[in-house]
Amino acid sequence: MPQPPDFDVAIAGAGIVGASAAWHLAGAGLRVAVIDAVGPAAAASGASDGAVSVASKKPGPLARLASAALLYTRVLSQGGPLEGAFHARPSYVFGQGEAELAAMDALIAKLGQIAGPVRVVADGGRGLLPGLGDSVERLVVLDGEGHMPGHKAVRAYLARPGITPVWPAHIHAILPDDTGVTVDLGDRRLRAGRLVAALGVSTRDHFPDLPVLPRAGQLFVTDRGPADALPGSLTAAAYLLAKTETPAAARLPPVVIDPLVTGQFIVGSSREDHGDPSQVDFATLRRLMGRAVDAFPALAGRRVIRAFAGIRAAVADGLPIVGPLPDAPHVLMATGFEGDGICLSALIGAEVARMARGLGPSDGIAADLAALSPLRFTPSRQEGRA
């Protein structure tokens, strides 16, 4: 007979989505344990650029959920856990060439259909932002997005009373049954009523049937300079194309130039189907650097102080996996965000916490949240698509 639970909910993974779920669950009075092999924000959440962006999201359910998440992130930044972590800032999307200009048209149409907090405030040439290079043919200026360093948000979420940290701890096995879940940590076993699997790239270690794959992105960080050199992120429209059904249409590198409060820039990012953080690809970095300097020539005067490969958990169909497993309803998945977790974390954490408490989704997002369900990977659903 299964032992009584040590915790109401155990969360596997101390990244930003798992930390948000923990904060919401503890706020509802549940006993919560957060298990991680290393510690808070040790993987993708700590290596992200921190952009809270609706513009960069795949059109459809993901973009609509991102819009709702941005609104909720703002709420949590006003006297809540994200105060001091999230701040609003403008965003800029630039393009050159037919494919990128078409992607910018699609972006404007997408934002118009969502009718959310992000809006286009200007659409024109490079004169809209001082310092842009001659290669920029068109610039769209967006208002309403923001920035939130992942490590700050994670630590703020996990500071809530009622959350028990369990790290460093390696999960040997996740063993669901009819009344809960047992987590084998090698030297001991932890029992919980439910488990939230926010495992990122480690998802396949325990759930091999889910199509979660590690995807790398090459990035580099510059030295410090004037903190106001660029007021918001500057994204090539090729990055938007990379999130669509026709990523091959992008002929130019999908560069994103993100200013940090330190006066540095973090610049990325490619999409490579491997999970090896040691594979720093200098040929790809040179292409990213070349386009970044063409778009924003002031970067030519900066030194690169770090280059690295960030590893993100991607899903084959481009949507994260959120919801209970069909054959193990006490296990709730919250994984596969591939760079979208920073933006979605507040909302997804809240919705996963509702699921763990046996509640339905919040008003207005049920259909979009259902699109992320693991049910879409069951054999009957996949046969129906054939």
Protein backbone atom coordinates (compact mmCIF):
# COMPACT_ATOMS: atom_id res chain seq x y z
CA MET A 1 0.00 0.00 0.00
CA PRO A 2 1.42 3.44 -0.93
CA GLN A 3 2.73 5.51 1.97
CA PRO A 4 0.97 8.75 2.98
CA PRO A 5 2.28 11.78 1.09
CA ASP A 6 5.15 13.84 2.46
CA PHE A 7 3.91 16.73 0.33
CA ASP A 8 0.72 17.67 -1.46
CA VAL A 9 2.68 18.46 -4.64
CA ALA A 10 6.27 17.75 -5.67
CA ILE A 11 7.73 19.77 -8.50
CA ALA A 12 10.54 18.25 -10.54
CA GLY A 13 12.60 21.15 -11.87
CA ALA A 14 13.54 24.49 -10.31
CA GLY A 15 13.32 26.52 -13.51
CA ILE A 16 10.98 29.45 -13.95
CA VAL A 17 7.85 27.43 -14.78
CA GLY A 18 8.33 25.02 -11.87
CA ALA A 19 9.11 27.90 -9.51
CA SER A 20 5.99 29.77 -10.58
CA ALA A 21 3.85 26.67 -9.99
CA ALA A 22 5.43 26.27 -6.55
CA TRP A 23 4.65 29.89 -5.64
CA HIS A 24 1.02 29.55 -6.67
CA LEU A 25 0.56 26.21 -4.91
CA ALA A 26 2.16 27.39 -1.66
CA GLY A 27 -0.05 30.48 -1.81
CA ALA A 28 -3.06 28.16 -1.84
CA GLY A 29 -1.84 26.53 1.36
CA LEU A 30 -0.43 23.33 -0.13
CA ARG A 31 2.75 21.62 1.06
CA VAL A 32 5.19 21.90 -1.85
CA ALA A 33 8.60 20.37 -2.53
CA VAL A 34 10.80 21.54 -5.40
CA ILE A 35 13.36 18.99 -6.57
CA ASP A 36 16.30 19.85 -8.79
CA ALA A 37 19.56 18.16 -9.72
CA VAL A 38 21.54 21.38 -9.26
CA GLY A 39 19.45 24.24 -7.93
CA PRO A 40 17.35 27.25 -8.94
CA ALA A 41 17.54 28.46 -12.55
CA ALA A 42 20.54 26.24 -13.24
CA ALA A 43 19.58 25.47 -16.86
CA ALA A 44 17.63 27.36 -19.53
CA SER A 45 15.93 29.81 -17.14
CA GLY A 46 19.27 31.13 -15.96
CA ALA A 47 20.76 31.39 -19.44
CA SER A 48 17.85 33.15 -21.16
CA ASP A 49 17.85 36.72 -22.42
CA GLY A 50 14.84 37.51 -20.23
CA ALA A 51 12.58 38.87 -22.96
CA VAL A 52 8.89 38.85 -22.10
CA SER A 53 7.73 38.92 -25.68
CA VAL A 54 4.43 38.21 -27.37
CA ALA A 55 5.75 39.22 -30.79
CA SER A 56 8.18 36.31 -30.94
CA LYS A 57 5.60 33.62 -30.17
CA LYS A 58 4.26 31.12 -32.67
CA PRO A 59 0.91 32.35 -34.06
CA GLY A 60 -2.19 30.75 -32.61
CA PRO A 61 -2.69 29.39 -29.09
CA LEU A 62 0.86 30.14 -27.96
CA ALA A 63 0.70 33.81 -28.96
CA ARG A 64 -2.70 34.24 -27.31
CA LEU A 65 -1.53 32.58 -24.09
CA ALA A 66 1.61 34.75 -24.14
CA SER A 67 -0.57 37.84 -24.34
CA ALA A 68 -2.59 36.71 -21.32
CA ALA A 69 0.63 35.78 -19.52
CA LEU A 70 2.10 39.23 -20.09
CA LEU A 71 -0.96 40.83 -18.49
CA TYR A 72 -0.65 38.51 -15.47
CA THR A 73 3.09 39.10 -15.21
CA ARG A 74 2.34 42.80 -14.89
CA VAL A 75 -0.06 42.03 -12.03
CA LEU A 76 2.58 40.00 -10.19
CA SER A 77 5.11 42.80 -10.66
CA GLN A 78 2.91 45.28 -8.80
CA GLY A 79 3.58 44.40 -5.19
CA GLY A 80 3.89 40.67 -5.95
CA PRO A 81 6.84 38.31 -6.37
CA LEU A 82 7.93 39.80 -9.70
CA GLU A 83 8.32 43.33 -8.39
CA GLY A 84 11.92 44.23 -9.13
CA ALA A 85 12.26 41.37 -11.63
CA PHE A 86 9.92 42.49 -14.43
CA HIS A 87 10.06 45.88 -16.09
CA ALA A 88 8.29 47.19 -19.17
CA ARG A 89 10.25 48.31 -22.21
CA PRO A 90 9.71 48.81 -25.94
CA SER A 91 10.61 46.17 -28.51
CA TYR A 92 11.87 46.58 -32.06
CA VAL A 93 11.60 44.20 -35.01
CA PHE A 94 13.67 44.86 -38.11
CA GLY A 95 13.86 43.26 -41.50
CA GLN A 96 15.32 43.21 -44.96
CA GLY A 97 14.35 41.19 -47.97
CA GLU A 98 11.01 39.87 -49.13
CA ALA A 99 10.63 37.02 -46.61
CA GLU A 100 11.39 39.15 -43.57
CA LEU A 101 9.17 42.02 -44.69
CA ALA A 102 6.32 39.53 -45.16
CA ALA A 103 6.97 38.16 -41.67
CA MET A 104 6.63 41.68 -40.31
CA ASP A 105 3.27 42.05 -42.03
CA ALA A 106 2.21 38.76 -40.43
CA LEU A 107 3.37 40.01 -37.03
CA ILE A 108 1.23 43.12 -37.28
CA ALA A 109 -1.77 41.01 -38.32
CA LYS A 110 -1.19 38.59 -35.43
CA LEU A 111 -1.03 41.34 -32.83
CA GLY A 112 -4.17 42.92 -34.28
CA GLN A 113 -6.08 39.64 -33.99
CA ILE A 114 -4.98 39.13 -30.39
CA ALA A 115 -5.91 42.70 -29.42
CA GLY A 116 -3.84 42.33 -26.26
CA PRO A 117 -1.41 44.56 -24.37
CA VAL A 118 1.23 44.66 -27.14
CA ARG A 119 0.61 47.16 -29.90
CA VAL A 120 2.43 48.60 -32.89
CA VAL A 121 3.30 52.24 -32.29
CA ALA A 122 5.39 52.85 -35.41
CA ASP A 123 6.12 51.12 -38.71
CA GLY A 124 8.71 52.61 -41.01
CA GLY A 125 12.38 52.83 -41.84
CA ARG A 126 15.51 52.76 -39.71
CA GLY A 127 15.08 56.43 -38.82
CA LEU A 128 12.63 55.34 -36.11
CA LEU A 129 15.56 54.22 -33.95
CA PRO A 130 18.85 56.14 -33.92
CA GLY A 131 21.94 54.10 -34.61
CA LEU A 132 20.54 51.45 -36.94
CA GLY A 133 22.64 50.30 -39.86
CA ASP A 134 22.02 50.83 -43.55
CA SER A 135 21.02 47.17 -44.01
CA VAL A 136 17.76 47.73 -42.11
CA GLU A 137 14.94 48.28 -44.60
CA ARG A 138 12.02 48.38 -42.18
CA LEU A 139 11.49 48.77 -38.45
CA VAL A 140 8.38 48.05 -36.38
CA VAL A 141 8.24 49.56 -32.90
CA LEU A 142 6.15 47.75 -30.28
CA ASP A 143 4.90 48.98 -26.93
CA GLY A 144 3.80 46.78 -24.04
CA GLU A 145 6.45 44.05 -23.83
CA GLY A 146 9.08 43.76 -21.13
CA HIS A 147 12.16 42.14 -19.65
CA MET A 148 12.56 39.74 -16.73
CA PRO A 149 15.83 37.95 -15.92
CA GLY A 150 14.96 34.33 -15.30
CA HIS A 151 17.19 33.88 -12.28
CA LYS A 152 15.60 36.86 -10.50
CA ALA A 153 12.07 35.58 -11.10
CA VAL A 154 12.94 32.04 -10.00
CA ARG A 155 14.48 33.13 -6.72
CA ALA A 156 11.59 35.48 -6.02
CA TYR A 157 9.05 32.72 -6.58
CA LEU A 158 10.93 30.19 -4.45
CA ALA A 159 11.26 32.60 -1.51
CA ARG A 160 7.60 32.05 -0.61
CA PRO A 161 7.03 30.26 2.74
CA GLY A 162 5.68 26.75 2.37
CA ILE A 163 8.13 25.69 -0.36
CA THR A 164 10.67 23.03 0.65
CA PRO A 165 13.84 22.99 -1.49
CA VAL A 166 15.20 19.57 -2.36
CA TRP A 167 18.51 20.04 -4.15
CA PRO A 168 20.93 18.91 -5.29
CA ALA A 169 18.98 15.70 -5.77
CA HIS A 170 19.01 13.36 -8.74
CA ILE A 171 15.67 11.79 -9.65
CA HIS A 172 16.23 8.09 -10.31
CA ALA A 173 12.61 7.28 -11.05
CA ILE A 174 9.11 8.77 -11.02
CA LEU A 175 6.60 6.15 -9.92
CA PRO A 176 2.92 7.15 -10.24
CA ASP A 177 0.12 5.01 -8.87
CA ASP A 178 -3.60 5.27 -8.19
CA THR A 179 -3.26 7.65 -5.23
CA GLY A 180 -0.17 9.74 -5.92
CA VAL A 181 3.44 9.69 -7.03
CA THR A 182 6.64 8.38 -5.45
CA VAL A 183 9.90 10.03 -6.45
CA ASP A 184 12.99 7.85 -6.05
CA LEU A 185 15.95 10.06 -5.11
CA GLY A 186 18.40 7.20 -4.63
CA ASP A 187 19.08 7.64 -0.93
CA ARG A 188 15.40 8.15 -0.11
CA ARG A 189 11.92 8.24 -1.55
CA LEU A 190 9.64 11.26 -1.54
CA ARG A 191 5.89 10.80 -1.68
CA ALA A 192 3.48 13.40 -3.08
CA GLY A 193 -0.18 13.55 -3.97
CA ARG A 194 0.74 14.99 -7.37
CA LEU A 195 3.91 15.70 -9.29
CA VAL A 196 4.55 18.59 -11.67
CA ALA A 197 7.17 17.57 -14.23
CA ALA A 198 8.88 20.84 -15.19
CA LEU A 199 11.99 18.99 -16.25
CA GLY A 200 13.00 20.82 -19.42
CA VAL A 201 15.61 18.92 -21.39
CA SER A 202 15.55 16.07 -18.84
CA THR A 203 11.94 15.24 -19.70
CA ARG A 204 12.84 12.32 -21.98
CA ASP A 205 14.82 10.67 -19.15
CA HIS A 206 11.53 9.92 -17.39
CA PHE A 207 8.89 10.33 -20.12
CA PRO A 208 10.50 8.86 -23.26
CA ASP A 209 7.23 8.75 -25.21
CA LEU A 210 6.90 12.53 -25.26
CA PRO A 211 8.60 14.23 -28.25
CA VAL A 212 10.73 16.64 -26.21
CA LEU A 213 14.16 17.25 -27.67
CA PRO A 214 17.10 19.41 -26.66
CA ARG A 215 17.69 22.34 -28.97
CA ALA A 216 20.76 24.52 -28.73
CA GLY A 217 21.19 28.17 -29.50
CA GLN A 218 24.46 30.01 -29.91
CA LEU A 219 24.77 33.23 -27.90
CA PHE A 220 27.38 35.75 -26.87
CA VAL A 221 27.64 38.47 -24.25
CA THR A 222 29.50 41.77 -24.69
CA ASP A 223 31.36 43.94 -22.26
CA ARG A 224 29.74 46.92 -20.56
CA GLY A 225 28.94 50.24 -22.15
CA PRO A 226 26.31 52.97 -21.83
CA ALA A 227 23.19 51.47 -20.25
CA ASP A 228 20.88 53.42 -22.57
CA ALA A 229 22.56 52.46 -25.86
CA LEU A 230 19.44 50.54 -26.92
CA PRO A 231 16.13 51.01 -25.06
CA GLY A 232 14.70 47.57 -25.84
CA SER A 233 15.31 44.29 -27.64
CA LEU A 234 16.07 44.43 -31.36
CA THR A 235 14.87 41.31 -33.17
CA ALA A 236 15.40 40.30 -36.78
CA ALA A 237 12.22 39.19 -38.54
CA ALA A 238 14.09 35.99 -39.40
CA TYR A 239 13.59 35.04 -35.74
CA LEU A 240 9.84 35.29 -36.26
CA LEU A 241 10.11 33.08 -39.33
CA ALA A 242 11.97 30.48 -37.28
CA LYS A 243 8.85 30.11 -35.09
CA THR A 244 6.50 29.50 -38.05
CA GLU A 245 5.76 26.53 -40.28
CA THR A 246 8.22 27.84 -42.90
CA PRO A 247 11.49 28.49 -41.03
CA ALA A 248 13.51 27.74 -44.20
CA ALA A 249 12.19 31.00 -45.67
CA ALA A 250 14.65 32.88 -43.45
CA ARG A 251 17.77 33.50 -45.55
CA LEU A 252 19.48 35.68 -42.96
CA PRO A 253 20.52 34.83 -39.37
CA PRO A 254 17.68 35.11 -36.78
CA VAL A 255 19.56 37.50 -34.55
CA VAL A 256 18.17 39.06 -31.36
CA ILE A 257 20.08 41.90 -29.71
CA ASP A 258 19.05 42.28 -26.10
CA PRO A 259 20.33 45.11 -23.87
CA LEU A 260 20.93 44.29 -20.21
CA VAL A 261 20.65 46.66 -17.27
CA THR A 262 24.42 46.30 -16.81
CA GLY A 263 25.05 48.05 -20.13
CA GLN A 264 26.00 44.76 -21.76
CA PHE A 265 24.29 43.02 -24.67
CA ILE A 266 23.32 39.38 -24.99
CA VAL A 267 23.07 38.43 -28.66
CA GLY A 268 21.68 35.20 -30.14
CA SER A 269 20.31 32.88 -31.22
CA SER A 270 20.42 29.92 -33.57
CA ARG A 271 18.26 26.77 -33.38
CA GLU A 272 20.31 23.57 -33.50
CA ASP A 273 18.98 20.09 -32.85
CA HIS A 274 21.44 18.89 -30.25
CA GLY A 275 21.74 19.10 -26.48
CA ASP A 276 25.46 19.56 -26.01
CA PRO A 277 26.27 22.86 -24.26
CA SER A 278 29.95 22.39 -25.10
CA GLN A 279 29.28 22.73 -28.84
CA VAL A 280 30.09 26.41 -29.22
CA ASP A 281 29.86 26.92 -32.97
CA PHE A 282 32.06 29.86 -33.89
CA ALA A 283 30.99 29.83 -37.54
CA THR A 284 27.38 30.36 -36.45
CA LEU A 285 28.46 32.96 -33.92
CA ARG A 286 30.32 34.87 -36.64
CA ARG A 287 27.15 34.96 -38.75
CA LEU A 288 25.14 36.22 -35.80
CA MET A 289 27.81 38.79 -35.00
CA GLY A 290 27.94 39.97 -38.60
CA ARG A 291 24.23 40.55 -38.82
CA ALA A 292 24.07 42.12 -35.37
CA VAL A 293 26.73 44.67 -36.30
CA ASP A 294 25.07 45.36 -39.65
CA ALA A 295 21.81 46.12 -37.86
CA PHE A 296 23.31 48.00 -34.90
CA PRO A 297 26.82 49.22 -35.79
CA ALA A 298 27.59 50.39 -32.23
CA LEU A 299 28.20 46.72 -31.39
CA ALA A 300 31.39 46.83 -33.44
CA GLY A 301 33.02 48.73 -30.60
CA ARG A 302 32.20 46.12 -27.97
CA ARG A 303 34.27 43.14 -26.91
CA VAL A 304 32.76 39.66 -26.63
CA ILE A 305 33.44 38.41 -23.11
CA ARG A 306 31.54 35.13 -23.28
CA ALA A 307 30.22 32.81 -25.97
CA PHE A 308 28.12 29.78 -25.14
CA ALA A 309 25.48 27.34 -26.33
CA GLY A 310 22.20 27.61 -24.44
CA ILE A 311 20.13 24.42 -24.34
CA ARG A 312 16.35 24.60 -24.46
CA ALA A 313 13.65 21.94 -24.35
CA ALA A 314 11.73 21.92 -27.63
CA VAL A 315 8.69 19.92 -28.74
CA ALA A 316 8.27 18.49 -32.22
CA ASP A 317 5.13 20.52 -33.01
CA GLY A 318 6.46 23.80 -31.59
CA LEU A 319 4.08 23.93 -28.61
CA PRO A 320 4.95 23.19 -24.97
CA ILE A 321 3.36 20.28 -23.12
CA VAL A 322 1.11 21.27 -20.23
CA GLY A 323 -1.43 19.11 -18.44
CA PRO A 324 -2.00 15.68 -16.85
CA LEU A 325 -0.68 12.54 -18.48
CA PRO A 326 -3.51 10.39 -19.87
CA ASP A 327 -2.23 7.21 -18.21
CA ALA A 328 -0.97 8.88 -15.01
CA PRO A 329 -3.35 11.71 -14.03
CA HIS A 330 -1.39 12.48 -10.84
CA VAL A 331 1.51 13.61 -13.05
CA LEU A 332 1.15 17.07 -14.56
CA MET A 333 3.51 18.01 -17.39
CA ALA A 334 4.86 21.55 -17.74
CA THR A 335 7.74 21.29 -20.16
CA GLY A 336 9.03 21.98 -23.68
CA PHE A 337 8.86 25.78 -23.66
CA GLU A 338 11.96 26.35 -25.87
CA GLY A 339 12.69 29.94 -24.97
CA ASP A 340 9.05 30.86 -24.31
CA GLY A 341 9.07 29.94 -20.62
CA ILE A 342 10.07 33.39 -19.35
CA CYS A 343 7.01 34.99 -20.92
CA LEU A 344 4.57 32.16 -20.18
CA SER A 345 5.77 31.24 -16.69
CA ALA A 346 3.41 33.35 -14.58
CA LEU A 347 0.28 32.13 -16.35
CA ILE A 348 1.36 28.51 -16.78
CA GLY A 349 2.43 28.29 -13.15
CA ALA A 350 -0.99 29.56 -12.08
CA GLU A 351 -2.84 27.16 -14.39
CA VAL A 352 -0.78 24.13 -13.38
CA ALA A 353 -1.48 25.00 -9.75
CA ARG A 354 -5.20 25.06 -10.57
CA MET A 355 -4.91 21.65 -12.21
CA ALA A 356 -3.11 20.26 -9.16
CA ARG A 357 -5.98 21.50 -6.98
CA GLY A 358 -8.60 19.91 -9.22
CA LEU A 359 -9.82 23.21 -10.64
CA GLY A 360 -10.60 24.05 -14.24
CA PRO A 361 -8.71 26.64 -16.32
CA SER A 362 -9.11 30.36 -15.84
CA ASP A 363 -11.73 32.16 -17.88
CA GLY A 364 -11.01 32.71 -21.55
CA ILE A 365 -8.02 30.42 -22.04
CA ALA A 366 -9.48 26.90 -21.86
CA ALA A 367 -9.25 26.16 -25.58
CA ASP A 368 -5.73 27.54 -25.98
CA LEU A 369 -4.51 25.73 -22.87
CA ALA A 370 -6.08 22.49 -24.14
CA ALA A 371 -3.93 22.80 -27.28
CA LEU A 372 -0.87 22.20 -25.07
CA SER A 373 -2.21 19.00 -23.49
CA PRO A 374 -0.16 15.77 -23.61
CA LEU A 375 -3.34 14.18 -25.00
CA ARG A 376 -2.31 15.33 -28.45
CA PHE A 377 0.42 12.69 -28.43
CA THR A 378 -1.82 9.73 -27.63
CA PRO A 379 -2.05 7.17 -30.46
CA SER A 380 -5.77 7.79 -31.07
CA ARG A 381 -5.21 11.54 -31.51
CA GLN A 382 -2.23 11.01 -33.81
CA GLU A 383 -4.16 8.48 -35.92
CA GLY A 384 -6.96 11.01 -36.28
CA ARG A 385 -4.52 13.46 -37.86
CA ALA A 386 -3.17 10.95 -40.37
